[in-house]
Amino acid sequence: MKSAPIKHSVIREDVVRERNLDNHLTQTDELQVTVPPVSNPDTEIYVRVFECITLTWRRHNSNKTHNTKFYVVPQSALAIDVLLGYQDSGVYGGGVYTTPCTPFASPFD
């Protein structure tokens, strides 16, 4: 699991299916999340999501567990299995977050 300068935590759809977690998926109102694209990680693309899953995880060498909502994205939208958003990772502090990435125009507007 890797942290990223994105707001929402995301997981690839194929990872959910391969681990037989389908029964734990929850339908969500349509939402656009941003993810760093495979081809250019210094930018962001918008991905429309309709499902999410809450998973319990812990950091390496830690006994503390975390419950996090992950939005399910298509395999083609993400190069890594799971990305923790800045709100869930604790890496980017508690202040106002400004993404260092330049978002592309949303194709959904």
C-alpha atoms as a PDB file:
ATOM      1  CA  MET A   1       0.000   0.000   0.000  1.00  0.00           C
ATOM      2  CA  LYS A   2       1.332   3.391  -0.960  1.00  0.00           C
ATOM      3  CA  SER A   3       0.319   6.910   0.075  1.00  0.00           C
ATOM      4  CA  ALA A   4      -0.445   9.448  -2.618  1.00  0.00           C
ATOM      5  CA  PRO A   5      -1.285  13.149  -2.814  1.00  0.00           C
ATOM      6  CA  ILE A   6      -4.911  12.388  -3.676  1.00  0.00           C
ATOM      7  CA  LYS A   7      -7.959  12.996  -1.505  1.00  0.00           C
ATOM      8  CA  HIS A   8      -9.690   9.600  -1.628  1.00  0.00           C
ATOM      9  CA  SER A   9      -8.183   6.168  -1.021  1.00  0.00           C
ATOM     10  CA  VAL A  10      -8.599   3.879  -4.022  1.00  0.00           C
ATOM     11  CA  ILE A  11      -8.271   0.184  -4.832  1.00  0.00           C
ATOM     12  CA  ARG A  12      -8.272  -1.515  -8.218  1.00  0.00           C
ATOM     13  CA  GLU A  13     -11.363  -3.493  -9.129  1.00  0.00           C
ATOM     14  CA  ASP A  14      -9.359  -6.587 -10.104  1.00  0.00           C
ATOM     15  CA  VAL A  15      -7.726  -6.661  -6.643  1.00  0.00           C
ATOM     16  CA  VAL A  16     -11.163  -6.707  -4.986  1.00  0.00           C
ATOM     17  CA  ARG A  17     -12.315  -9.532  -7.264  1.00  0.00           C
ATOM     18  CA  GLU A  18      -9.117 -11.628  -6.939  1.00  0.00           C
ATOM     19  CA  ARG A  19      -9.388 -11.535  -3.146  1.00  0.00           C
ATOM     20  CA  ASN A  20     -13.077 -12.473  -3.212  1.00  0.00           C
ATOM     21  CA  LEU A  21     -14.150  -9.261  -1.506  1.00  0.00           C
ATOM     22  CA  ASP A  22     -17.127  -8.706  -3.833  1.00  0.00           C
ATOM     23  CA  ASN A  23     -19.615  -9.428  -1.043  1.00  0.00           C
ATOM     24  CA  HIS A  24     -18.245  -6.496   0.950  1.00  0.00           C
ATOM     25  CA  LEU A  25     -18.718  -3.905  -1.786  1.00  0.00           C
ATOM     26  CA  THR A  26     -21.133  -1.055  -1.150  1.00  0.00           C
ATOM     27  CA  GLN A  27     -22.865   0.943  -3.846  1.00  0.00           C
ATOM     28  CA  THR A  28     -22.128   4.635  -3.532  1.00  0.00           C
ATOM     29  CA  ASP A  29     -23.541   7.721  -5.132  1.00  0.00           C
ATOM     30  CA  GLU A  30     -21.627   8.515  -8.287  1.00  0.00           C
ATOM     31  CA  LEU A  31     -18.383  10.234  -7.391  1.00  0.00           C
ATOM     32  CA  GLN A  32     -15.352  11.433  -9.305  1.00  0.00           C
ATOM     33  CA  VAL A  33     -12.030  10.646  -7.679  1.00  0.00           C
ATOM     34  CA  THR A  34      -8.634  11.734  -8.895  1.00  0.00           C
ATOM     35  CA  VAL A  35      -5.781   9.297  -9.384  1.00  0.00           C
ATOM     36  CA  PRO A  36      -2.282   9.646 -10.827  1.00  0.00           C
ATOM     37  CA  PRO A  37      -2.385   8.011 -14.266  1.00  0.00           C
ATOM     38  CA  VAL A  38      -0.100   5.152 -15.187  1.00  0.00           C
ATOM     39  CA  SER A  39       1.570   7.125 -17.977  1.00  0.00           C
ATOM     40  CA  ASN A  40       2.216  10.407 -16.116  1.00  0.00           C
ATOM     41  CA  PRO A  41       2.192  10.274 -12.285  1.00  0.00           C
ATOM     42  CA  ASP A  42       2.813  14.045 -12.023  1.00  0.00           C
ATOM     43  CA  THR A  43      -0.735  14.749 -13.186  1.00  0.00           C
ATOM     44  CA  GLU A  44      -4.183  13.551 -12.184  1.00  0.00           C
ATOM     45  CA  ILE A  45      -7.096  12.048 -14.060  1.00  0.00           C
ATOM     46  CA  TYR A  46     -10.703  11.901 -12.978  1.00  0.00           C
ATOM     47  CA  VAL A  47     -12.253   8.476 -12.563  1.00  0.00           C
ATOM     48  CA  ARG A  48     -15.958   7.922 -12.044  1.00  0.00           C
ATOM     49  CA  VAL A  49     -16.689   5.439  -9.229  1.00  0.00           C
ATOM     50  CA  PHE A  50     -19.870   3.702  -8.114  1.00  0.00           C
ATOM     51  CA  GLU A  51     -18.612   1.233  -5.469  1.00  0.00           C
ATOM     52  CA  CYS A  52     -16.531   1.358  -2.340  1.00  0.00           C
ATOM     53  CA  ILE A  53     -15.256  -1.062   0.273  1.00  0.00           C
ATOM     54  CA  THR A  54     -14.159  -0.527   3.859  1.00  0.00           C
ATOM     55  CA  LEU A  55     -10.997  -2.425   4.733  1.00  0.00           C
ATOM     56  CA  THR A  56      -9.031  -2.819   7.945  1.00  0.00           C
ATOM     57  CA  TRP A  57      -5.271  -2.507   7.538  1.00  0.00           C
ATOM     58  CA  ARG A  58      -2.140  -1.766   9.528  1.00  0.00           C
ATOM     59  CA  ARG A  59       1.283  -0.359   8.759  1.00  0.00           C
ATOM     60  CA  HIS A  60       4.340  -2.570   8.734  1.00  0.00           C
ATOM     61  CA  ASN A  61       5.844  -2.843  12.257  1.00  0.00           C
ATOM     62  CA  SER A  62       2.725  -1.345  13.850  1.00  0.00           C
ATOM     63  CA  ASN A  63       0.064  -2.878  16.069  1.00  0.00           C
ATOM     64  CA  LYS A  64      -2.491  -0.147  15.334  1.00  0.00           C
ATOM     65  CA  THR A  65      -5.222  -0.951  12.810  1.00  0.00           C
ATOM     66  CA  HIS A  66      -7.100   1.505  10.597  1.00  0.00           C
ATOM     67  CA  ASN A  67     -10.515   1.282   8.922  1.00  0.00           C
ATOM     68  CA  THR A  68     -10.547   3.040   5.584  1.00  0.00           C
ATOM     69  CA  LYS A  69     -13.096   3.462   2.815  1.00  0.00           C
ATOM     70  CA  PHE A  70     -11.528   2.653  -0.556  1.00  0.00           C
ATOM     71  CA  TYR A  71     -13.218   3.656  -3.792  1.00  0.00           C
ATOM     72  CA  VAL A  72     -13.048   0.958  -6.470  1.00  0.00           C
ATOM     73  CA  VAL A  73     -11.423   2.054  -9.741  1.00  0.00           C
ATOM     74  CA  PRO A  74     -10.855   0.141 -13.006  1.00  0.00           C
ATOM     75  CA  GLN A  75      -7.565  -1.682 -13.441  1.00  0.00           C
ATOM     76  CA  SER A  76      -6.668   0.584 -16.353  1.00  0.00           C
ATOM     77  CA  ALA A  77      -6.816   3.682 -14.132  1.00  0.00           C
ATOM     78  CA  LEU A  78      -4.195   2.672 -11.571  1.00  0.00           C
ATOM     79  CA  ALA A  79      -0.712   1.157 -11.818  1.00  0.00           C
ATOM     80  CA  ILE A  80      -0.600  -0.008  -8.185  1.00  0.00           C
ATOM     81  CA  ASP A  81      -3.091  -2.197  -6.300  1.00  0.00           C
ATOM     82  CA  VAL A  82      -4.005   0.310  -3.570  1.00  0.00           C
ATOM     83  CA  LEU A  83      -3.347   4.003  -2.927  1.00  0.00           C
ATOM     84  CA  LEU A  84      -4.038   5.710   0.390  1.00  0.00           C
ATOM     85  CA  GLY A  85      -5.412   9.207   0.067  1.00  0.00           C
ATOM     86  CA  TYR A  86      -3.910  11.988   2.147  1.00  0.00           C
ATOM     87  CA  GLN A  87      -6.831  12.000   4.591  1.00  0.00           C
ATOM     88  CA  ASP A  88      -6.289   8.335   5.433  1.00  0.00           C
ATOM     89  CA  SER A  89      -2.509   8.150   5.337  1.00  0.00           C
ATOM     90  CA  GLY A  90      -1.682  10.831   7.902  1.00  0.00           C
ATOM     91  CA  VAL A  91       1.389  11.656   5.808  1.00  0.00           C
ATOM     92  CA  TYR A  92       0.302  15.074   4.581  1.00  0.00           C
ATOM     93  CA  GLY A  93      -0.603  16.668   7.911  1.00  0.00           C
ATOM     94  CA  GLY A  94      -3.868  18.079   9.163  1.00  0.00           C
ATOM     95  CA  GLY A  95      -3.927  21.437   7.387  1.00  0.00           C
ATOM     96  CA  VAL A  96      -5.425  22.428   4.104  1.00  0.00           C
ATOM     97  CA  TYR A  97      -4.079  20.236   1.356  1.00  0.00           C
ATOM     98  CA  THR A  98      -3.181  21.536  -2.093  1.00  0.00           C
ATOM     99  CA  THR A  99      -2.352  18.914  -4.671  1.00  0.00           C
ATOM    100  CA  PRO A 100       1.057  19.219  -6.326  1.00  0.00           C
ATOM    101  CA  CYS A 101      -0.468  17.677  -9.437  1.00  0.00           C
ATOM    102  CA  THR A 102      -2.203  19.462 -12.272  1.00  0.00           C
ATOM    103  CA  PRO A 103      -5.607  17.911 -12.947  1.00  0.00           C
ATOM    104  CA  PHE A 104      -6.713  17.264 -16.509  1.00  0.00           C
ATOM    105  CA  ALA A 105     -10.103  18.587 -17.531  1.00  0.00           C
ATOM    106  CA  SER A 106     -12.842  16.262 -16.368  1.00  0.00           C
ATOM    107  CA  PRO A 107     -14.527  14.374 -19.197  1.00  0.00           C
ATOM    108  CA  PHE A 108     -17.670  14.106 -17.049  1.00  0.00           C
ATOM    109  CA  ASP A 109     -18.611  17.802 -16.922  1.00  0.00           C
END
